[in-house]
Amino acid sequence: MHTFTPEEREQLRDTLVAAARANRRISGAAHTGSAAIGREDRWSDIDLALRLASDAVFDDVVADWTNSMYAEHGAVAHTDVWRGATLYRVFLLANTLQVDLAFCLPSEFGAIGPSFRLVFGDPNERASRPAATAGDHIGMAWLYALHVRSSIARGRWWQAEYMLSGMRDSVLALACVRHRLPAHQGRGVDDLPPDVLLPLTHALAGSLEASELQRAFHATTEALLGEMAHADADMRDRLAGTLRALVR
């Protein structure tokens, strides 16, 4: 048992693309994710979108590719994520490589963002998914804050920490939007300036003690208000008193 190498990843990617080209029930394929935009590194996974032929039976195609991943390529588990009519079947291989296969109806095959590099087939023109706005992240942050307050008050320490983490993640996402970094799944967080990240180290709770959760809650709230001052000063002024009341 070993961890995958980049060479093994590329060999499998080529094998999957060749299988798609040879399969009459697949009418298109595209690389997605980091490989499509030249940001792949040692730990990147495989992301491949497959366009089903118009006469293909969706469930049969998915079942056949799934069987192949287990029988031929060392899959040990998979999980499904649906986005509209597109199924993203995410495989975990024994060598720790992640392989994401997107099974798309003909009408769903096409770029919805920059990370789409066509291999073959005819993609559709599709509207890009709008990225979350600063207002969206602010809204999630104060919603989490309400639940931090109530969880601490109820003595629900694990839930309080869970909600506090969500609030802090929303503040980090808001900072990423300000600095034009990718906010989704924390992809731009490590590229934020030190003067943004340093105050947020105080937003990490060191234990589940009520006093420590309260301290971290206070730090997270102040960091949120600081980011809001850049994103929407009027909203910051409207919410500052209410947010600080939650911490008291």
C-alpha atoms as a PDB file:
ATOM      1  CA  MET A   1       0.000   0.000   0.000  1.00  0.00           C
ATOM      2  CA  HIS A   2       1.401   3.418  -0.923  1.00  0.00           C
ATOM      3  CA  THR A   3       0.328   6.976  -1.624  1.00  0.00           C
ATOM      4  CA  PHE A   4      -0.204   7.760  -5.294  1.00  0.00           C
ATOM      5  CA  THR A   5       2.488   9.459  -7.335  1.00  0.00           C
ATOM      6  CA  PRO A   6       1.845  12.200  -9.902  1.00  0.00           C
ATOM      7  CA  GLU A   7       2.940   9.744 -12.597  1.00  0.00           C
ATOM      8  CA  GLU A   8       0.321   7.218 -11.488  1.00  0.00           C
ATOM      9  CA  ARG A   9      -2.311   9.960 -11.462  1.00  0.00           C
ATOM     10  CA  GLU A  10      -1.454  11.014 -15.012  1.00  0.00           C
ATOM     11  CA  GLN A  11      -1.457   7.419 -16.237  1.00  0.00           C
ATOM     12  CA  LEU A  12      -4.924   6.859 -14.787  1.00  0.00           C
ATOM     13  CA  ARG A  13      -6.186  10.149 -16.213  1.00  0.00           C
ATOM     14  CA  ASP A  14      -4.996   9.101 -19.678  1.00  0.00           C
ATOM     15  CA  THR A  15      -6.614   5.679 -19.239  1.00  0.00           C
ATOM     16  CA  LEU A  16      -9.955   7.221 -18.291  1.00  0.00           C
ATOM     17  CA  VAL A  17      -9.874   9.642 -21.228  1.00  0.00           C
ATOM     18  CA  ALA A  18      -9.057   6.785 -23.608  1.00  0.00           C
ATOM     19  CA  ALA A  19     -11.946   4.768 -22.168  1.00  0.00           C
ATOM     20  CA  ALA A  20     -14.284   7.712 -22.702  1.00  0.00           C
ATOM     21  CA  ARG A  21     -13.177   8.125 -26.337  1.00  0.00           C
ATOM     22  CA  ALA A  22     -13.750   4.417 -26.983  1.00  0.00           C
ATOM     23  CA  ASN A  23     -17.185   4.312 -25.355  1.00  0.00           C
ATOM     24  CA  ARG A  24     -20.032   4.957 -27.796  1.00  0.00           C
ATOM     25  CA  ARG A  25     -22.265   6.019 -24.877  1.00  0.00           C
ATOM     26  CA  ILE A  26     -19.900   8.907 -24.063  1.00  0.00           C
ATOM     27  CA  SER A  27     -20.026  11.800 -26.524  1.00  0.00           C
ATOM     28  CA  GLY A  28     -17.727  14.269 -24.826  1.00  0.00           C
ATOM     29  CA  ALA A  29     -15.197  14.745 -22.043  1.00  0.00           C
ATOM     30  CA  ALA A  30     -13.470  17.645 -20.332  1.00  0.00           C
ATOM     31  CA  HIS A  31     -10.855  18.137 -17.659  1.00  0.00           C
ATOM     32  CA  THR A  32     -12.169  20.207 -14.774  1.00  0.00           C
ATOM     33  CA  GLY A  33     -10.680  21.379 -11.492  1.00  0.00           C
ATOM     34  CA  SER A  34      -7.062  22.423 -11.010  1.00  0.00           C
ATOM     35  CA  ALA A  35      -5.740  20.498 -14.034  1.00  0.00           C
ATOM     36  CA  ALA A  36      -7.935  22.574 -16.339  1.00  0.00           C
ATOM     37  CA  ILE A  37      -6.346  25.858 -15.248  1.00  0.00           C
ATOM     38  CA  GLY A  38      -2.737  24.807 -14.762  1.00  0.00           C
ATOM     39  CA  ARG A  39      -2.796  24.806 -10.953  1.00  0.00           C
ATOM     40  CA  GLU A  40      -2.261  21.116 -10.350  1.00  0.00           C
ATOM     41  CA  ASP A  41       0.249  20.074  -7.690  1.00  0.00           C
ATOM     42  CA  ARG A  42       1.521  16.899  -6.048  1.00  0.00           C
ATOM     43  CA  TRP A  43      -1.731  16.346  -4.145  1.00  0.00           C
ATOM     44  CA  SER A  44      -4.292  17.270  -6.792  1.00  0.00           C
ATOM     45  CA  ASP A  45      -6.997  14.788  -7.717  1.00  0.00           C
ATOM     46  CA  ILE A  46      -8.521  13.803 -11.059  1.00  0.00           C
ATOM     47  CA  ASP A  47     -11.602  15.705 -12.218  1.00  0.00           C
ATOM     48  CA  LEU A  48     -13.207  14.495 -15.434  1.00  0.00           C
ATOM     49  CA  ALA A  49     -16.596  15.497 -16.852  1.00  0.00           C
ATOM     50  CA  LEU A  50     -18.290  12.982 -19.157  1.00  0.00           C
ATOM     51  CA  ARG A  51     -21.051  13.910 -21.633  1.00  0.00           C
ATOM     52  CA  LEU A  52     -23.489  11.049 -22.125  1.00  0.00           C
ATOM     53  CA  ALA A  53     -24.695  10.293 -25.627  1.00  0.00           C
ATOM     54  CA  SER A  54     -28.306  11.256 -26.244  1.00  0.00           C
ATOM     55  CA  ASP A  55     -29.423   7.612 -26.414  1.00  0.00           C
ATOM     56  CA  ALA A  56     -27.427   6.417 -23.378  1.00  0.00           C
ATOM     57  CA  VAL A  57     -29.215   5.153 -20.271  1.00  0.00           C
ATOM     58  CA  PHE A  58     -27.886   7.295 -17.442  1.00  0.00           C
ATOM     59  CA  ASP A  59     -27.965   4.682 -14.672  1.00  0.00           C
ATOM     60  CA  ASP A  60     -26.356   2.030 -16.859  1.00  0.00           C
ATOM     61  CA  VAL A  61     -23.456   4.282 -17.823  1.00  0.00           C
ATOM     62  CA  VAL A  62     -22.840   5.288 -14.218  1.00  0.00           C
ATOM     63  CA  ALA A  63     -22.987   1.657 -13.084  1.00  0.00           C
ATOM     64  CA  ASP A  64     -20.514   0.507 -15.739  1.00  0.00           C
ATOM     65  CA  TRP A  65     -17.981   3.217 -14.953  1.00  0.00           C
ATOM     66  CA  THR A  66     -18.398   2.551 -11.237  1.00  0.00           C
ATOM     67  CA  ASN A  67     -17.763  -1.152 -11.703  1.00  0.00           C
ATOM     68  CA  SER A  68     -14.650  -0.346 -13.736  1.00  0.00           C
ATOM     69  CA  MET A  69     -13.309   1.984 -11.049  1.00  0.00           C
ATOM     70  CA  TYR A  70     -13.586  -0.788  -8.469  1.00  0.00           C
ATOM     71  CA  ALA A  71     -12.512  -3.734 -10.606  1.00  0.00           C
ATOM     72  CA  GLU A  72      -9.702  -2.109 -12.590  1.00  0.00           C
ATOM     73  CA  HIS A  73      -8.520   1.025 -10.823  1.00  0.00           C
ATOM     74  CA  GLY A  74      -8.467   0.231  -7.101  1.00  0.00           C
ATOM     75  CA  ALA A  75     -11.481   2.147  -5.827  1.00  0.00           C
ATOM     76  CA  VAL A  76     -12.372   1.346  -2.221  1.00  0.00           C
ATOM     77  CA  ALA A  77     -15.315   3.740  -1.713  1.00  0.00           C
ATOM     78  CA  HIS A  78     -17.385   6.397  -3.453  1.00  0.00           C
ATOM     79  CA  THR A  79     -19.874   9.104  -2.597  1.00  0.00           C
ATOM     80  CA  ASP A  80     -22.309  11.117  -4.730  1.00  0.00           C
ATOM     81  CA  VAL A  81     -22.907  14.850  -5.088  1.00  0.00           C
ATOM     82  CA  TRP A  82     -25.711  16.131  -7.331  1.00  0.00           C
ATOM     83  CA  ARG A  83     -25.709  19.549  -8.962  1.00  0.00           C
ATOM     84  CA  GLY A  84     -28.881  19.872 -10.944  1.00  0.00           C
ATOM     85  CA  ALA A  85     -29.080  16.880 -13.269  1.00  0.00           C
ATOM     86  CA  THR A  86     -25.316  16.235 -13.133  1.00  0.00           C
ATOM     87  CA  LEU A  87     -23.989  13.475 -10.889  1.00  0.00           C
ATOM     88  CA  TYR A  88     -20.519  13.905  -9.416  1.00  0.00           C
ATOM     89  CA  ARG A  89     -19.405  10.455  -8.297  1.00  0.00           C
ATOM     90  CA  VAL A  90     -16.322  10.865  -6.114  1.00  0.00           C
ATOM     91  CA  PHE A  91     -14.092   7.809  -5.772  1.00  0.00           C
ATOM     92  CA  LEU A  92     -11.439   7.090  -3.164  1.00  0.00           C
ATOM     93  CA  LEU A  93      -8.713   4.765  -4.437  1.00  0.00           C
ATOM     94  CA  ALA A  94      -6.638   2.450  -2.276  1.00  0.00           C
ATOM     95  CA  ASN A  95      -3.554   4.579  -3.004  1.00  0.00           C
ATOM     96  CA  THR A  96      -5.408   7.652  -1.566  1.00  0.00           C
ATOM     97  CA  LEU A  97      -6.059   9.273  -4.958  1.00  0.00           C
ATOM     98  CA  GLN A  98      -9.435  10.996  -5.359  1.00  0.00           C
ATOM     99  CA  VAL A  99     -11.166  10.676  -8.727  1.00  0.00           C
ATOM    100  CA  ASP A 100     -14.224  12.824  -9.467  1.00  0.00           C
ATOM    101  CA  LEU A 101     -16.290  11.690 -12.447  1.00  0.00           C
ATOM    102  CA  ALA A 102     -19.107  14.010 -13.497  1.00  0.00           C
ATOM    103  CA  PHE A 103     -21.839  12.320 -15.532  1.00  0.00           C
ATOM    104  CA  CYS A 104     -23.598  14.995 -17.575  1.00  0.00           C
ATOM    105  CA  LEU A 105     -26.664  14.948 -19.765  1.00  0.00           C
ATOM    106  CA  PRO A 106     -25.933  16.543 -23.164  1.00  0.00           C
ATOM    107  CA  SER A 107     -27.685  19.751 -22.120  1.00  0.00           C
ATOM    108  CA  GLU A 108     -25.593  19.983 -18.922  1.00  0.00           C
ATOM    109  CA  PHE A 109     -22.157  19.529 -20.501  1.00  0.00           C
ATOM    110  CA  GLY A 110     -20.278  22.801 -20.699  1.00  0.00           C
ATOM    111  CA  ALA A 111     -18.247  25.322 -18.753  1.00  0.00           C
ATOM    112  CA  ILE A 112     -19.817  27.072 -15.767  1.00  0.00           C
ATOM    113  CA  GLY A 113     -16.491  28.588 -14.744  1.00  0.00           C
ATOM    114  CA  PRO A 114     -12.857  28.843 -15.874  1.00  0.00           C
ATOM    115  CA  SER A 115     -11.905  25.327 -14.767  1.00  0.00           C
ATOM    116  CA  PHE A 116     -13.171  23.513 -17.870  1.00  0.00           C
ATOM    117  CA  ARG A 117     -10.803  22.255 -20.591  1.00  0.00           C
ATOM    118  CA  LEU A 118     -12.456  20.350 -23.405  1.00  0.00           C
ATOM    119  CA  VAL A 119     -10.967  17.022 -24.464  1.00  0.00           C
ATOM    120  CA  PHE A 120     -13.534  16.120 -27.110  1.00  0.00           C
ATOM    121  CA  GLY A 121     -17.207  16.649 -27.901  1.00  0.00           C
ATOM    122  CA  ASP A 122     -19.451  19.684 -28.252  1.00  0.00           C
ATOM    123  CA  PRO A 123     -19.978  21.699 -25.056  1.00  0.00           C
ATOM    124  CA  ASN A 124     -23.016  23.870 -24.470  1.00  0.00           C
ATOM    125  CA  GLU A 125     -22.931  27.547 -23.622  1.00  0.00           C
ATOM    126  CA  ARG A 126     -23.945  27.647 -19.975  1.00  0.00           C
ATOM    127  CA  ALA A 127     -24.449  30.449 -17.525  1.00  0.00           C
ATOM    128  CA  SER A 128     -21.722  30.649 -14.905  1.00  0.00           C
ATOM    129  CA  ARG A 129     -22.703  30.052 -11.312  1.00  0.00           C
ATOM    130  CA  PRO A 130     -22.580  33.359  -9.471  1.00  0.00           C
ATOM    131  CA  ALA A 131     -19.943  33.423  -6.758  1.00  0.00           C
ATOM    132  CA  ALA A 132     -21.051  34.152  -3.217  1.00  0.00           C
ATOM    133  CA  THR A 133     -20.943  37.886  -2.527  1.00  0.00           C
ATOM    134  CA  ALA A 134     -19.606  39.764   0.468  1.00  0.00           C
ATOM    135  CA  GLY A 135     -23.209  40.195   1.585  1.00  0.00           C
ATOM    136  CA  ASP A 136     -23.743  36.437   1.455  1.00  0.00           C
ATOM    137  CA  HIS A 137     -20.743  35.810   3.723  1.00  0.00           C
ATOM    138  CA  ILE A 138     -21.817  38.557   6.122  1.00  0.00           C
ATOM    139  CA  GLY A 139     -25.283  37.017   6.347  1.00  0.00           C
ATOM    140  CA  MET A 140     -23.897  33.556   7.111  1.00  0.00           C
ATOM    141  CA  ALA A 141     -21.522  35.001   9.712  1.00  0.00           C
ATOM    142  CA  TRP A 142     -24.231  36.712  11.766  1.00  0.00           C
ATOM    143  CA  LEU A 143     -26.465  33.669  11.422  1.00  0.00           C
ATOM    144  CA  TYR A 144     -23.697  31.474  12.854  1.00  0.00           C
ATOM    145  CA  ALA A 145     -23.139  34.088  15.578  1.00  0.00           C
ATOM    146  CA  LEU A 146     -26.714  33.707  16.779  1.00  0.00           C
ATOM    147  CA  HIS A 147     -26.168  29.968  17.171  1.00  0.00           C
ATOM    148  CA  VAL A 148     -22.828  30.417  18.920  1.00  0.00           C
ATOM    149  CA  ARG A 149     -24.561  32.572  21.514  1.00  0.00           C
ATOM    150  CA  SER A 150     -27.421  30.118  22.101  1.00  0.00           C
ATOM    151  CA  SER A 151     -25.134  27.060  22.133  1.00  0.00           C
ATOM    152  CA  ILE A 152     -22.907  28.578  24.818  1.00  0.00           C
ATOM    153  CA  ALA A 153     -25.933  29.634  26.841  1.00  0.00           C
ATOM    154  CA  ARG A 154     -27.313  26.088  26.707  1.00  0.00           C
ATOM    155  CA  GLY A 155     -24.007  24.521  27.667  1.00  0.00           C
ATOM    156  CA  ARG A 156     -23.752  22.810  24.267  1.00  0.00           C
ATOM    157  CA  TRP A 157     -19.984  23.137  24.028  1.00  0.00           C
ATOM    158  CA  TRP A 158     -19.355  21.024  20.938  1.00  0.00           C
ATOM    159  CA  GLN A 159     -22.184  22.685  19.059  1.00  0.00           C
ATOM    160  CA  ALA A 160     -20.851  26.075  20.103  1.00  0.00           C
ATOM    161  CA  GLU A 161     -17.434  25.220  18.694  1.00  0.00           C
ATOM    162  CA  TYR A 162     -19.041  23.938  15.479  1.00  0.00           C
ATOM    163  CA  MET A 163     -20.995  27.157  15.002  1.00  0.00           C
ATOM    164  CA  LEU A 164     -17.972  29.273  15.942  1.00  0.00           C
ATOM    165  CA  SER A 165     -15.921  27.526  13.253  1.00  0.00           C
ATOM    166  CA  GLY A 166     -18.624  28.289  10.698  1.00  0.00           C
ATOM    167  CA  MET A 167     -18.670  31.928  11.729  1.00  0.00           C
ATOM    168  CA  ARG A 168     -14.881  32.169  11.489  1.00  0.00           C
ATOM    169  CA  ASP A 169     -14.919  30.477   8.059  1.00  0.00           C
ATOM    170  CA  SER A 170     -17.417  33.079   6.867  1.00  0.00           C
ATOM    171  CA  VAL A 171     -15.145  35.888   8.062  1.00  0.00           C
ATOM    172  CA  LEU A 172     -12.212  34.299   6.224  1.00  0.00           C
ATOM    173  CA  ALA A 173     -14.322  33.977   3.076  1.00  0.00           C
ATOM    174  CA  LEU A 174     -15.268  37.646   3.376  1.00  0.00           C
ATOM    175  CA  ALA A 175     -11.575  38.550   3.605  1.00  0.00           C
ATOM    176  CA  CYS A 176     -10.872  36.445   0.513  1.00  0.00           C
ATOM    177  CA  VAL A 177     -13.531  38.335  -1.431  1.00  0.00           C
ATOM    178  CA  ARG A 178     -11.905  41.634  -0.412  1.00  0.00           C
ATOM    179  CA  HIS A 179      -8.485  40.477  -1.576  1.00  0.00           C
ATOM    180  CA  ARG A 180      -9.802  38.873  -4.785  1.00  0.00           C
ATOM    181  CA  LEU A 181      -8.832  35.383  -3.675  1.00  0.00           C
ATOM    182  CA  PRO A 182     -10.918  32.220  -4.121  1.00  0.00           C
ATOM    183  CA  ALA A 183     -13.224  31.918  -1.127  1.00  0.00           C
ATOM    184  CA  HIS A 184     -14.810  28.539  -1.828  1.00  0.00           C
ATOM    185  CA  GLN A 185     -13.589  25.744   0.477  1.00  0.00           C
ATOM    186  CA  GLY A 186     -10.875  27.965   1.927  1.00  0.00           C
ATOM    187  CA  ARG A 187      -8.785  27.819  -1.246  1.00  0.00           C
ATOM    188  CA  GLY A 188      -7.479  31.367  -0.908  1.00  0.00           C
ATOM    189  CA  VAL A 189      -7.172  31.606   2.866  1.00  0.00           C
ATOM    190  CA  ASP A 190      -3.451  30.810   3.083  1.00  0.00           C
ATOM    191  CA  ASP A 191      -2.735  33.593   0.587  1.00  0.00           C
ATOM    192  CA  LEU A 192      -4.339  36.290   2.739  1.00  0.00           C
ATOM    193  CA  PRO A 193      -1.942  38.942   4.114  1.00  0.00           C
ATOM    194  CA  PRO A 194      -0.475  38.253   7.573  1.00  0.00           C
ATOM    195  CA  ASP A 195      -2.174  41.321   9.021  1.00  0.00           C
ATOM    196  CA  VAL A 196      -5.545  39.747   8.116  1.00  0.00           C
ATOM    197  CA  LEU A 197      -4.741  36.252   9.370  1.00  0.00           C
ATOM    198  CA  LEU A 198      -2.990  37.150  12.623  1.00  0.00           C
ATOM    199  CA  PRO A 199      -6.059  38.583  14.400  1.00  0.00           C
ATOM    200  CA  LEU A 200      -8.030  35.524  13.357  1.00  0.00           C
ATOM    201  CA  THR A 201      -5.642  33.197  15.175  1.00  0.00           C
ATOM    202  CA  HIS A 202      -7.280  34.603  18.307  1.00  0.00           C
ATOM    203  CA  ALA A 203     -10.621  33.387  16.944  1.00  0.00           C
ATOM    204  CA  LEU A 204      -9.484  29.774  17.434  1.00  0.00           C
ATOM    205  CA  ALA A 205     -10.874  28.258  20.613  1.00  0.00           C
ATOM    206  CA  GLY A 206      -8.174  26.456  22.590  1.00  0.00           C
ATOM    207  CA  SER A 207     -10.628  24.321  24.551  1.00  0.00           C
ATOM    208  CA  LEU A 208     -14.342  23.714  25.133  1.00  0.00           C
ATOM    209  CA  GLU A 209     -14.355  25.700  28.364  1.00  0.00           C
ATOM    210  CA  ALA A 210     -17.132  28.278  28.395  1.00  0.00           C
ATOM    211  CA  SER A 211     -14.704  31.145  29.035  1.00  0.00           C
ATOM    212  CA  GLU A 212     -12.459  30.087  26.136  1.00  0.00           C
ATOM    213  CA  LEU A 213     -15.376  29.742  23.727  1.00  0.00           C
ATOM    214  CA  GLN A 214     -16.610  33.161  24.814  1.00  0.00           C
ATOM    215  CA  ARG A 215     -13.163  34.693  24.292  1.00  0.00           C
ATOM    216  CA  ALA A 216     -12.879  33.210  20.795  1.00  0.00           C
ATOM    217  CA  PHE A 217     -16.438  34.337  20.032  1.00  0.00           C
ATOM    218  CA  HIS A 218     -15.485  37.886  20.959  1.00  0.00           C
ATOM    219  CA  ALA A 219     -12.389  37.779  18.735  1.00  0.00           C
ATOM    220  CA  THR A 220     -14.362  36.377  15.809  1.00  0.00           C
ATOM    221  CA  THR A 221     -17.026  39.058  16.189  1.00  0.00           C
ATOM    222  CA  GLU A 222     -14.447  41.845  16.170  1.00  0.00           C
ATOM    223  CA  ALA A 223     -12.764  40.318  13.115  1.00  0.00           C
ATOM    224  CA  LEU A 224     -16.151  40.177  11.384  1.00  0.00           C
ATOM    225  CA  LEU A 225     -16.829  43.826  12.156  1.00  0.00           C
ATOM    226  CA  GLY A 226     -13.393  44.719  10.821  1.00  0.00           C
ATOM    227  CA  GLU A 227     -14.057  42.983   7.518  1.00  0.00           C
ATOM    228  CA  MET A 228     -17.540  44.458   7.312  1.00  0.00           C
ATOM    229  CA  ALA A 229     -16.012  47.926   7.557  1.00  0.00           C
ATOM    230  CA  HIS A 230     -14.308  47.242   4.227  1.00  0.00           C
ATOM    231  CA  ALA A 231     -17.232  45.447   2.573  1.00  0.00           C
ATOM    232  CA  ASP A 232     -20.253  47.466   3.706  1.00  0.00           C
ATOM    233  CA  ALA A 233     -19.624  50.229   6.228  1.00  0.00           C
ATOM    234  CA  ASP A 234     -23.331  51.079   6.555  1.00  0.00           C
ATOM    235  CA  MET A 235     -24.227  47.483   7.402  1.00  0.00           C
ATOM    236  CA  ARG A 236     -21.342  47.337   9.830  1.00  0.00           C
ATOM    237  CA  ASP A 237     -22.685  50.393  11.642  1.00  0.00           C
ATOM    238  CA  ARG A 238     -26.195  48.912  11.720  1.00  0.00           C
ATOM    239  CA  LEU A 239     -25.088  45.535  13.053  1.00  0.00           C
ATOM    240  CA  ALA A 240     -22.196  46.413  15.363  1.00  0.00           C
ATOM    241  CA  GLY A 241     -24.298  46.978  18.464  1.00  0.00           C
ATOM    242  CA  THR A 242     -26.412  43.879  17.907  1.00  0.00           C
ATOM    243  CA  LEU A 243     -23.420  41.632  17.210  1.00  0.00           C
ATOM    244  CA  ARG A 244     -21.553  42.842  20.269  1.00  0.00           C
ATOM    245  CA  ALA A 245     -24.690  42.281  22.347  1.00  0.00           C
ATOM    246  CA  LEU A 246     -24.564  38.614  21.357  1.00  0.00           C
ATOM    247  CA  VAL A 247     -21.123  38.277  22.911  1.00  0.00           C
ATOM    248  CA  ARG A 248     -22.010  39.950  26.209  1.00  0.00           C
END
